C-alpha atoms as a PDB file:
ATOM      1  CA  MET A   1     126.893 100.787  89.102  1.00  0.00           C
ATOM      2  CA  LEU A   2     123.732 102.319  90.571  1.00  0.00           C
ATOM      3  CA  LYS A   3     122.866 105.899  89.677  1.00  0.00           C
ATOM      4  CA  ASN A   4     122.313 108.884  91.957  1.00  0.00           C
ATOM      5  CA  ASN A   5     119.475 111.059  90.812  1.00  0.00           C
ATOM      6  CA  TYR A   6     116.743 110.700  88.215  1.00  0.00           C
ATOM      7  CA  HIS A   7     115.664 114.328  88.638  1.00  0.00           C
ATOM      8  CA  GLU A   8     118.947 116.206  88.287  1.00  0.00           C
ATOM      9  CA  GLY A   9     119.677 119.022  90.756  1.00  0.00           C
ATOM     10  CA  MET A  10     116.655 118.267  92.969  1.00  0.00           C
ATOM     11  CA  ILE A  11     116.342 116.870  96.482  1.00  0.00           C
ATOM     12  CA  GLU A  12     115.041 113.425  95.565  1.00  0.00           C
ATOM     13  CA  ALA A  13     113.517 110.700  97.724  1.00  0.00           C
ATOM     14  CA  GLY A  14     113.678 107.058  96.646  1.00  0.00           C
ATOM     15  CA  CYS A  15     110.805 104.793  97.733  1.00  0.00           C
ATOM     16  CA  ASP A  16     110.282 101.048  97.875  1.00  0.00           C
ATOM     17  CA  GLU A  17     108.029  98.594  99.703  1.00  0.00           C
ATOM     18  CA  ALA A  18     108.373  95.144 101.264  1.00  0.00           C
ATOM     19  CA  GLY A  19     105.791  92.485 101.939  1.00  0.00           C
ATOM     20  CA  ARG A  20     103.399  93.095  99.105  1.00  0.00           C
ATOM     21  CA  GLY A  21     103.036  89.394  98.211  1.00  0.00           C
ATOM     22  CA  CYS A  22     102.675  88.128 101.762  1.00  0.00           C
ATOM     23  CA  LEU A  23      99.624  86.400 103.241  1.00  0.00           C
ATOM     24  CA  ALA A  24     100.176  87.881 106.670  1.00  0.00           C
ATOM     25  CA  GLY A  25     101.497  91.041 108.269  1.00  0.00           C
ATOM     26  CA  SER A  26     101.616  94.734 107.434  1.00  0.00           C
ATOM     27  CA  VAL A  27     103.187  96.082 104.279  1.00  0.00           C
ATOM     28  CA  TYR A  28     106.197  98.315 104.927  1.00  0.00           C
ATOM     29  CA  ALA A  29     107.703 101.037 102.758  1.00  0.00           C
ATOM     30  CA  ALA A  30     110.679 103.332 103.161  1.00  0.00           C
ATOM     31  CA  ALA A  31     111.663 106.710 101.734  1.00  0.00           C
ATOM     32  CA  VAL A  32     115.319 107.754 101.618  1.00  0.00           C
ATOM     33  CA  ILE A  33     117.059 110.958 100.620  1.00  0.00           C
ATOM     34  CA  LEU A  34     120.796 110.430 100.061  1.00  0.00           C
ATOM     35  CA  PRO A  35     123.413 113.182  99.794  1.00  0.00           C
ATOM     36  CA  PRO A  36     124.159 114.484  96.280  1.00  0.00           C
ATOM     37  CA  ASP A  37     126.991 112.516  94.612  1.00  0.00           C
ATOM     38  CA  TYR A  38     126.646 109.730  97.224  1.00  0.00           C
ATOM     39  CA  HIS A  39     128.565 106.542  96.486  1.00  0.00           C
ATOM     40  CA  ASN A  40     128.321 103.114  98.074  1.00  0.00           C
ATOM     41  CA  GLU A  41     129.251 100.180  95.884  1.00  0.00           C
ATOM     42  CA  LEU A  42     127.655  97.701  98.305  1.00  0.00           C
ATOM     43  CA  LEU A  43     124.150  99.131  97.904  1.00  0.00           C
ATOM     44  CA  ASN A  44     121.869  96.999  95.758  1.00  0.00           C
ATOM     45  CA  ASP A  45     118.321  95.658  95.546  1.00  0.00           C
ATOM     46  CA  SER A  46     117.692  94.092  98.979  1.00  0.00           C
ATOM     47  CA  LYS A  47     116.670  90.787  97.336  1.00  0.00           C
ATOM     48  CA  GLN A  48     120.230  90.458  95.939  1.00  0.00           C
ATOM     49  CA  LEU A  49     121.838  90.774  99.395  1.00  0.00           C
ATOM     50  CA  THR A  50     122.352  88.364 102.225  1.00  0.00           C
ATOM     51  CA  GLU A  51     120.436  89.038 105.434  1.00  0.00           C
ATOM     52  CA  LYS A  52     123.685  89.904 107.239  1.00  0.00           C
ATOM     53  CA  ARG A  53     124.651  92.394 104.528  1.00  0.00           C
ATOM     54  CA  ARG A  54     121.162  93.999 104.573  1.00  0.00           C
ATOM     55  CA  TYR A  55     121.352  94.671 108.288  1.00  0.00           C
ATOM     56  CA  ALA A  56     124.915  96.024 108.038  1.00  0.00           C
ATOM     57  CA  LEU A  57     123.837  98.359 105.231  1.00  0.00           C
ATOM     58  CA  ARG A  58     120.794  99.508 107.211  1.00  0.00           C
ATOM     59  CA  GLU A  59     123.168 101.052 109.740  1.00  0.00           C
ATOM     60  CA  VAL A  60     125.206 102.729 106.998  1.00  0.00           C
ATOM     61  CA  ILE A  61     122.100 104.092 105.255  1.00  0.00           C
ATOM     62  CA  GLN A  62     120.662 105.507 108.479  1.00  0.00           C
ATOM     63  CA  ARG A  63     123.990 107.152 109.268  1.00  0.00           C
ATOM     64  CA  ASP A  64     124.651 108.581 105.768  1.00  0.00           C
ATOM     65  CA  ALA A  65     121.150 109.554 104.600  1.00  0.00           C
ATOM     66  CA  VAL A  66     120.061 113.190 104.583  1.00  0.00           C
ATOM     67  CA  ALA A  67     116.668 111.814 105.745  1.00  0.00           C
ATOM     68  CA  TRP A  68     114.916 108.440 105.964  1.00  0.00           C
ATOM     69  CA  ALA A  69     111.597 107.124 107.225  1.00  0.00           C
ATOM     70  CA  VAL A  70     109.473 103.968 107.244  1.00  0.00           C
ATOM     71  CA  GLY A  71     105.713 103.828 106.625  1.00  0.00           C
ATOM     72  CA  ILE A  72     103.390 100.959 107.610  1.00  0.00           C
ATOM     73  CA  VAL A  73      99.915  99.852 106.470  1.00  0.00           C
ATOM     74  CA  THR A  74      98.161  97.165 108.538  1.00  0.00           C
ATOM     75  CA  PRO A  75      96.477  93.962 107.340  1.00  0.00           C
ATOM     76  CA  GLU A  76      93.068  95.458 108.177  1.00  0.00           C
ATOM     77  CA  GLU A  77      93.815  98.451 105.951  1.00  0.00           C
ATOM     78  CA  ILE A  78      95.131  96.198 103.190  1.00  0.00           C
ATOM     79  CA  ASP A  79      91.825  94.279 103.199  1.00  0.00           C
ATOM     80  CA  LYS A  80      89.883  97.507 102.892  1.00  0.00           C
ATOM     81  CA  ILE A  81      91.849  99.289 100.180  1.00  0.00           C
ATOM     82  CA  ASN A  82      93.724  96.391  98.403  1.00  0.00           C
ATOM     83  CA  ILE A  83      97.441  95.686  98.431  1.00  0.00           C
ATOM     84  CA  LEU A  84      98.400  98.020  95.550  1.00  0.00           C
ATOM     85  CA  ASN A  85      96.766 101.026  97.241  1.00  0.00           C
ATOM     86  CA  ALA A  86      98.208  99.897 100.568  1.00  0.00           C
ATOM     87  CA  SER A  87     101.743  99.752  99.152  1.00  0.00           C
ATOM     88  CA  ILE A  88     101.400 103.285  97.773  1.00  0.00           C
ATOM     89  CA  LEU A  89      99.887 104.521 101.044  1.00  0.00           C
ATOM     90  CA  ALA A  90     102.818 103.046 102.954  1.00  0.00           C
ATOM     91  CA  MET A  91     105.178 105.038 100.701  1.00  0.00           C
ATOM     92  CA  HIS A  92     103.157 108.204 101.276  1.00  0.00           C
ATOM     93  CA  ARG A  93     103.318 107.609 105.044  1.00  0.00           C
ATOM     94  CA  ALA A  94     107.102 107.218 104.827  1.00  0.00           C
ATOM     95  CA  LEU A  95     107.337 110.453 102.817  1.00  0.00           C
ATOM     96  CA  ASP A  96     105.139 112.215 105.418  1.00  0.00           C
ATOM     97  CA  GLN A  97     107.734 111.472 108.097  1.00  0.00           C
ATOM     98  CA  LEU A  98     110.870 112.690 106.289  1.00  0.00           C
ATOM     99  CA  GLN A  99     112.641 115.417 108.258  1.00  0.00           C
ATOM    100  CA  VAL A 100     113.806 116.999 105.002  1.00  0.00           C
ATOM    101  CA  ARG A 101     111.179 117.731 102.368  1.00  0.00           C
ATOM    102  CA  PRO A 102     111.945 116.184  98.956  1.00  0.00           C
ATOM    103  CA  GLU A 103     111.504 118.116  95.718  1.00  0.00           C
ATOM    104  CA  ALA A 104     110.963 114.949  93.648  1.00  0.00           C
ATOM    105  CA  ILE A 105     110.277 111.244  94.149  1.00  0.00           C
ATOM    106  CA  ILE A 106     111.429 108.045  92.421  1.00  0.00           C
ATOM    107  CA  VAL A 107     109.576 104.810  93.080  1.00  0.00           C
ATOM    108  CA  ASP A 108     110.398 101.145  92.418  1.00  0.00           C
ATOM    109  CA  GLY A 109     107.809  99.571  90.118  1.00  0.00           C
ATOM    110  CA  ASN A 110     105.293 100.952  87.680  1.00  0.00           C
ATOM    111  CA  LYS A 111     102.475 102.286  89.869  1.00  0.00           C
ATOM    112  CA  PHE A 112     102.287 105.320  92.140  1.00  0.00           C
ATOM    113  CA  LYS A 113      99.814 108.026  93.074  1.00  0.00           C
ATOM    114  CA  PRO A 114     100.897 111.673  93.111  1.00  0.00           C
ATOM    115  CA  TYR A 115     102.267 112.867  96.438  1.00  0.00           C
ATOM    116  CA  GLY A 116     101.154 116.476  96.700  1.00  0.00           C
ATOM    117  CA  ASP A 117     102.420 118.370  93.675  1.00  0.00           C
ATOM    118  CA  LEU A 118     105.886 116.787  93.634  1.00  0.00           C
ATOM    119  CA  PRO A 119     107.146 115.330  90.361  1.00  0.00           C
ATOM    120  CA  HIS A 120     107.598 111.567  90.473  1.00  0.00           C
ATOM    121  CA  ALA A 121     108.903 108.781  88.287  1.00  0.00           C
ATOM    122  CA  THR A 122     108.148 105.058  88.501  1.00  0.00           C
ATOM    123  CA  ILE A 123     111.123 102.869  87.593  1.00  0.00           C
ATOM    124  CA  VAL A 124     110.740  99.128  86.957  1.00  0.00           C
ATOM    125  CA  LYS A 125     113.483  97.287  88.880  1.00  0.00           C
ATOM    126  CA  GLY A 126     114.487 100.673  90.242  1.00  0.00           C
ATOM    127  CA  ASP A 127     115.992  99.041  93.325  1.00  0.00           C
ATOM    128  CA  GLY A 128     118.747  97.724  91.051  1.00  0.00           C
ATOM    129  CA  LYS A 129     119.220 101.043  89.212  1.00  0.00           C
ATOM    130  CA  TYR A 130     119.109 103.926  91.722  1.00  0.00           C
ATOM    131  CA  LEU A 131     120.923 104.211  95.059  1.00  0.00           C
ATOM    132  CA  SER A 132     118.063 105.871  96.981  1.00  0.00           C
ATOM    133  CA  ILE A 133     115.558 103.188  95.893  1.00  0.00           C
ATOM    134  CA  ALA A 134     118.024 100.433  96.792  1.00  0.00           C
ATOM    135  CA  ALA A 135     118.493 102.063 100.190  1.00  0.00           C
ATOM    136  CA  ALA A 136     114.704 102.249 100.650  1.00  0.00           C
ATOM    137  CA  SER A 137     114.350  98.581  99.711  1.00  0.00           C
ATOM    138  CA  ILE A 138     116.867  97.623 102.393  1.00  0.00           C
ATOM    139  CA  LEU A 139     115.160  99.657 105.125  1.00  0.00           C
ATOM    140  CA  ALA A 140     111.679  98.426 104.190  1.00  0.00           C
ATOM    141  CA  LYS A 141     112.813  94.809 104.055  1.00  0.00           C
ATOM    142  CA  THR A 142     114.802  94.765 107.312  1.00  0.00           C
ATOM    143  CA  TYR A 143     112.213  96.664 109.376  1.00  0.00           C
ATOM    144  CA  ARG A 144     109.472  94.389 108.074  1.00  0.00           C
ATOM    145  CA  ASP A 145     111.577  91.278 108.835  1.00  0.00           C
ATOM    146  CA  ASP A 146     112.025  92.566 112.416  1.00  0.00           C
ATOM    147  CA  TYR A 147     108.247  92.986 112.733  1.00  0.00           C
ATOM    148  CA  MET A 148     107.531  89.485 111.332  1.00  0.00           C
ATOM    149  CA  ALA A 149     110.078  87.917 113.706  1.00  0.00           C
ATOM    150  CA  ASN A 150     108.337  89.722 116.568  1.00  0.00           C
ATOM    151  CA  ILE A 151     104.785  88.619 115.739  1.00  0.00           C
ATOM    152  CA  ALA A 152     106.107  85.094 115.043  1.00  0.00           C
ATOM    153  CA  LYS A 153     106.583  84.783 118.811  1.00  0.00           C
ATOM    154  CA  GLU A 154     102.793  85.087 119.218  1.00  0.00           C
ATOM    155  CA  TYR A 155     102.046  82.514 116.514  1.00  0.00           C
ATOM    156  CA  PRO A 156     105.096  80.250 116.138  1.00  0.00           C
ATOM    157  CA  GLN A 157     103.133  77.555 114.239  1.00  0.00           C
ATOM    158  CA  TYR A 158     103.091  79.661 111.024  1.00  0.00           C
ATOM    159  CA  ASP A 159     106.925  79.899 110.740  1.00  0.00           C
ATOM    160  CA  TRP A 160     106.851  83.644 110.097  1.00  0.00           C
ATOM    161  CA  SER A 161     110.402  84.072 111.344  1.00  0.00           C
ATOM    162  CA  GLY A 162     111.405  81.850 108.417  1.00  0.00           C
ATOM    163  CA  ASN A 163     108.884  82.678 105.673  1.00  0.00           C
ATOM    164  CA  LYS A 164     108.216  86.314 106.682  1.00  0.00           C
ATOM    165  CA  GLY A 165     104.521  85.815 105.859  1.00  0.00           C
ATOM    166  CA  TYR A 166     105.080  84.705 102.258  1.00  0.00           C
ATOM    167  CA  PRO A 167     102.932  81.847 100.901  1.00  0.00           C
ATOM    168  CA  THR A 168     105.186  78.872 101.532  1.00  0.00           C
ATOM    169  CA  LYS A 169     103.831  75.357 101.693  1.00  0.00           C
ATOM    170  CA  LYS A 170     104.415  75.211 105.460  1.00  0.00           C
ATOM    171  CA  HIS A 171     102.639  78.536 105.972  1.00  0.00           C
ATOM    172  CA  ARG A 172      99.555  77.383 104.024  1.00  0.00           C
ATOM    173  CA  GLN A 173      99.485  74.048 105.819  1.00  0.00           C
ATOM    174  CA  ALA A 174      99.453  75.895 109.135  1.00  0.00           C
ATOM    175  CA  ILE A 175      96.520  78.035 107.965  1.00  0.00           C
ATOM    176  CA  LYS A 176      94.627  74.843 107.057  1.00  0.00           C
ATOM    177  CA  LEU A 177      95.402  73.346 110.460  1.00  0.00           C
ATOM    178  CA  TYR A 178      95.010  76.343 112.736  1.00  0.00           C
ATOM    179  CA  GLY A 179      92.978  78.848 110.697  1.00  0.00           C
ATOM    180  CA  ALA A 180      93.786  82.494 110.075  1.00  0.00           C
ATOM    181  CA  THR A 181      95.200  84.879 112.694  1.00  0.00           C
ATOM    182  CA  PRO A 182      94.364  88.582 113.154  1.00  0.00           C
ATOM    183  CA  TYR A 183      97.557  89.265 111.163  1.00  0.00           C
ATOM    184  CA  HIS A 184      96.394  87.405 108.064  1.00  0.00           C
ATOM    185  CA  ARG A 185      95.094  89.353 105.071  1.00  0.00           C
ATOM    186  CA  ARG A 186      91.553  88.094 104.638  1.00  0.00           C
ATOM    187  CA  SER A 187      91.284  89.482 101.119  1.00  0.00           C
ATOM    188  CA  PHE A 188      94.078  87.143  99.934  1.00  0.00           C
ATOM    189  CA  ASN A 189      93.657  83.529  98.821  1.00  0.00           C
ATOM    190  CA  LEU A 190      95.137  82.163 102.046  1.00  0.00           C
ATOM    191  CA  LEU A 191      94.897  78.481 101.166  1.00  0.00           C
ATOM    192  CA  GLY A 192      96.145  78.878  97.611  1.00  0.00           C
ATOM    193  CA  ASP A 193      93.358  76.834  96.084  1.00  0.00           C
ATOM    194  CA  SER A 194      90.523  77.868  93.801  1.00  0.00           C
ATOM    195  CA  GLN A 195      88.045  78.442  96.594  1.00  0.00           C
ATOM    196  CA  LEU A 196      86.609  81.928  96.839  1.00  0.00           C
ATOM    197  CA  GLU A 197      87.500  83.994  99.838  1.00  0.00           C
ATOM    198  CA  LEU A 198      84.768  85.081 102.239  1.00  0.00           C
ATOM    199  CA  PRO A 199      83.330  88.408 101.146  1.00  0.00           C
ATOM    200  CA  LEU A 200      84.716  91.380 103.036  1.00  0.00           C
ATOM    201  CA  GLU A 201      82.363  93.538 105.008  1.00  0.00           C
ATOM    202  CA  PHE A 202      82.863  97.280 104.666  1.00  0.00           C
END
């Protein structure tokens, strides 16, 4: 059974990201504030859910949440600031857009940078422990999947609608054959071998 609040008696936003380990595409993050004493037994870490269940729950979350928002950081930004900083920036951008201001933040994982002066807690595997983080993981994942399916129409040879930009064998073979697209993260080891990436220009 997932828990409600980490910071008792405070308006708390749960945050999570999707797409951190991908070779292509933006990284997405969501921030969700759920009502106090909210219950939904179906909510869980998005990775534990079927695609159909994730999209059904997205509608429920958007209807029930006190506030929710999605933040995006582009591949160009990822290459400039690195994926960890980009993931945190995406969470900050989601928090920026919330229509209700949180009093505290909980984040999936073990890394975060302070958001203003709000208290925050990082929780490893938090998307399987707290409802608001689970809700954020579902929104981040589904909105990113929609985006990857959309850009897959531009570059069908990379199978992004199937692999969502993750480093599958088919994806890496396509990079070898066709090269990198503007959506690929140049700072990542795109071919998965020991070769060094081209130096980034800043």
